[in-house]
Amino acid sequence: MMNPDDLRKIGRALGGTHWQADVARDISMSKSQITRYLDTSRTPDMLFTSSLRGVMIDKISTIASHLTTAGLPQNKSARTKEALALIKEAVKLLRQED
């Protein structure tokens, strides 16, 4: 079961210091519901944690797709391309688990 500290860590990784509204929007939930999870007046259910996992996977995919952006160091290197391919494969595997 996800505890509030883990939810905060994931939330901050996804959206910075003001993450609750963004994460709530991304998983089609009210910000107040997330607040209830954080203050332990409600326990995160499987639908919430599955949705949150999906948002995490989507964010990994989105960020990885920008590794080849013009102007970034090593954006055209073989290692960057190889890393991007590996990330895409990992994302594919993670999505197959859902």
C-alpha atoms as a PDB file:
ATOM      1  CA  MET A   1       0.000   0.000   0.000  1.00  0.00           C
ATOM      2  CA  MET A   2       1.323   3.431  -0.914  1.00  0.00           C
ATOM      3  CA  ASN A   3       2.094   5.709   2.004  1.00  0.00           C
ATOM      4  CA  PRO A   4       1.859   9.532   1.930  1.00  0.00           C
ATOM      5  CA  ASP A   5       5.638  10.035   1.879  1.00  0.00           C
ATOM      6  CA  ASP A   6       6.020   7.850  -1.207  1.00  0.00           C
ATOM      7  CA  LEU A   7       3.139   9.667  -2.887  1.00  0.00           C
ATOM      8  CA  ARG A   8       4.819  13.008  -2.152  1.00  0.00           C
ATOM      9  CA  LYS A   9       8.142  11.791  -3.584  1.00  0.00           C
ATOM     10  CA  ILE A  10       6.472  10.563  -6.754  1.00  0.00           C
ATOM     11  CA  GLY A  11       4.372  13.710  -7.028  1.00  0.00           C
ATOM     12  CA  ARG A  12       7.387  15.996  -6.704  1.00  0.00           C
ATOM     13  CA  ALA A  13       9.281  13.959  -9.291  1.00  0.00           C
ATOM     14  CA  LEU A  14       6.354  14.315 -11.692  1.00  0.00           C
ATOM     15  CA  GLY A  15       5.465  17.949 -11.135  1.00  0.00           C
ATOM     16  CA  GLY A  16       7.832  19.808  -8.845  1.00  0.00           C
ATOM     17  CA  THR A  17       6.812  21.530  -5.637  1.00  0.00           C
ATOM     18  CA  HIS A  18       3.242  22.350  -6.726  1.00  0.00           C
ATOM     19  CA  TRP A  19       2.474  18.913  -8.107  1.00  0.00           C
ATOM     20  CA  GLN A  20      -0.929  18.032  -6.693  1.00  0.00           C
ATOM     21  CA  ALA A  21      -3.116  19.865  -9.221  1.00  0.00           C
ATOM     22  CA  ASP A  22      -1.084  18.621 -12.196  1.00  0.00           C
ATOM     23  CA  VAL A  23      -1.104  15.004 -11.057  1.00  0.00           C
ATOM     24  CA  ALA A  24      -4.805  15.204 -10.213  1.00  0.00           C
ATOM     25  CA  ARG A  25      -5.539  16.476 -13.719  1.00  0.00           C
ATOM     26  CA  ASP A  26      -3.358  13.814 -15.332  1.00  0.00           C
ATOM     27  CA  ILE A  27      -5.247  11.017 -13.591  1.00  0.00           C
ATOM     28  CA  SER A  28      -8.689  12.647 -13.822  1.00  0.00           C
ATOM     29  CA  MET A  29      -9.091  13.106 -10.098  1.00  0.00           C
ATOM     30  CA  SER A  30      -9.754  16.078  -7.879  1.00  0.00           C
ATOM     31  CA  LYS A  31      -6.880  17.715  -6.055  1.00  0.00           C
ATOM     32  CA  SER A  32      -8.869  17.315  -2.834  1.00  0.00           C
ATOM     33  CA  GLN A  33      -8.808  13.531  -3.285  1.00  0.00           C
ATOM     34  CA  ILE A  34      -5.029  13.597  -3.438  1.00  0.00           C
ATOM     35  CA  THR A  35      -5.009  15.783  -0.327  1.00  0.00           C
ATOM     36  CA  ARG A  36      -7.090  13.132   1.438  1.00  0.00           C
ATOM     37  CA  TYR A  37      -4.506  10.507   0.505  1.00  0.00           C
ATOM     38  CA  LEU A  38      -1.716  12.732   1.815  1.00  0.00           C
ATOM     39  CA  ASP A  39      -3.408  13.445   5.141  1.00  0.00           C
ATOM     40  CA  THR A  40      -4.379   9.748   5.465  1.00  0.00           C
ATOM     41  CA  SER A  41      -8.098  10.399   5.750  1.00  0.00           C
ATOM     42  CA  ARG A  42      -8.371   8.115   2.684  1.00  0.00           C
ATOM     43  CA  THR A  43      -6.246   5.232   1.479  1.00  0.00           C
ATOM     44  CA  PRO A  44      -5.081   5.178  -2.143  1.00  0.00           C
ATOM     45  CA  ASP A  45      -6.906   2.442  -4.037  1.00  0.00           C
ATOM     46  CA  MET A  46      -5.671   0.260  -6.878  1.00  0.00           C
ATOM     47  CA  LEU A  47      -7.284   2.471  -9.542  1.00  0.00           C
ATOM     48  CA  PHE A  48      -5.392   5.501  -8.233  1.00  0.00           C
ATOM     49  CA  THR A  49      -2.028   3.745  -7.949  1.00  0.00           C
ATOM     50  CA  SER A  50      -2.442   2.165 -11.397  1.00  0.00           C
ATOM     51  CA  SER A  51      -3.286   5.559 -12.883  1.00  0.00           C
ATOM     52  CA  LEU A  52      -0.327   7.144 -11.119  1.00  0.00           C
ATOM     53  CA  ARG A  53       1.959   4.441 -12.485  1.00  0.00           C
ATOM     54  CA  GLY A  54       0.653   5.148 -15.974  1.00  0.00           C
ATOM     55  CA  VAL A  55       1.420   8.844 -15.573  1.00  0.00           C
ATOM     56  CA  MET A  56       4.938   7.968 -14.424  1.00  0.00           C
ATOM     57  CA  ILE A  57       5.507   5.765 -17.470  1.00  0.00           C
ATOM     58  CA  ASP A  58       4.143   8.463 -19.785  1.00  0.00           C
ATOM     59  CA  LYS A  59       6.481  11.050 -18.217  1.00  0.00           C
ATOM     60  CA  ILE A  60       9.493   8.771 -18.689  1.00  0.00           C
ATOM     61  CA  SER A  61       8.561   8.338 -22.338  1.00  0.00           C
ATOM     62  CA  THR A  62       8.013  12.055 -22.908  1.00  0.00           C
ATOM     63  CA  ILE A  63      11.270  13.123 -21.300  1.00  0.00           C
ATOM     64  CA  ALA A  64      13.227  10.435 -23.137  1.00  0.00           C
ATOM     65  CA  SER A  65      11.821  11.583 -26.472  1.00  0.00           C
ATOM     66  CA  HIS A  66      13.514  14.950 -25.921  1.00  0.00           C
ATOM     67  CA  LEU A  67      17.013  13.518 -25.541  1.00  0.00           C
ATOM     68  CA  THR A  68      17.658  14.036 -29.261  1.00  0.00           C
ATOM     69  CA  THR A  69      16.524  17.678 -29.244  1.00  0.00           C
ATOM     70  CA  ALA A  70      18.814  19.934 -31.245  1.00  0.00           C
ATOM     71  CA  GLY A  71      21.130  21.934 -29.040  1.00  0.00           C
ATOM     72  CA  LEU A  72      21.404  19.358 -26.268  1.00  0.00           C
ATOM     73  CA  PRO A  73      24.866  17.906 -25.734  1.00  0.00           C
ATOM     74  CA  GLN A  74      25.291  14.496 -27.350  1.00  0.00           C
ATOM     75  CA  ASN A  75      21.828  14.731 -28.960  1.00  0.00           C
ATOM     76  CA  LYS A  76      23.034  12.913 -32.077  1.00  0.00           C
ATOM     77  CA  SER A  77      25.462  10.482 -30.471  1.00  0.00           C
ATOM     78  CA  ALA A  78      25.194   6.744 -30.893  1.00  0.00           C
ATOM     79  CA  ARG A  79      24.945   6.351 -27.109  1.00  0.00           C
ATOM     80  CA  THR A  80      22.020   8.753 -26.902  1.00  0.00           C
ATOM     81  CA  LYS A  81      20.240   6.896 -29.681  1.00  0.00           C
ATOM     82  CA  GLU A  82      20.966   3.559 -28.027  1.00  0.00           C
ATOM     83  CA  ALA A  83      19.761   4.848 -24.642  1.00  0.00           C
ATOM     84  CA  LEU A  84      16.579   6.195 -26.225  1.00  0.00           C
ATOM     85  CA  ALA A  85      15.914   2.832 -27.865  1.00  0.00           C
ATOM     86  CA  LEU A  86      16.415   1.059 -24.528  1.00  0.00           C
ATOM     87  CA  ILE A  87      14.092   3.482 -22.754  1.00  0.00           C
ATOM     88  CA  LYS A  88      11.446   2.967 -25.429  1.00  0.00           C
ATOM     89  CA  GLU A  89      11.746  -0.796 -24.986  1.00  0.00           C
ATOM     90  CA  ALA A  90      11.490  -0.465 -21.203  1.00  0.00           C
ATOM     91  CA  VAL A  91       8.392   1.736 -21.527  1.00  0.00           C
ATOM     92  CA  LYS A  92       6.859  -0.814 -23.888  1.00  0.00           C
ATOM     93  CA  LEU A  93       7.514  -3.608 -21.371  1.00  0.00           C
ATOM     94  CA  LEU A  94       6.054  -1.566 -18.516  1.00  0.00           C
ATOM     95  CA  ARG A  95       2.917  -0.814 -20.508  1.00  0.00           C
ATOM     96  CA  GLN A  96       2.460  -4.513 -21.290  1.00  0.00           C
ATOM     97  CA  GLU A  97       2.268  -5.194 -17.557  1.00  0.00           C
ATOM     98  CA  ASP A  98      -0.758  -2.911 -17.175  1.00  0.00           C
END
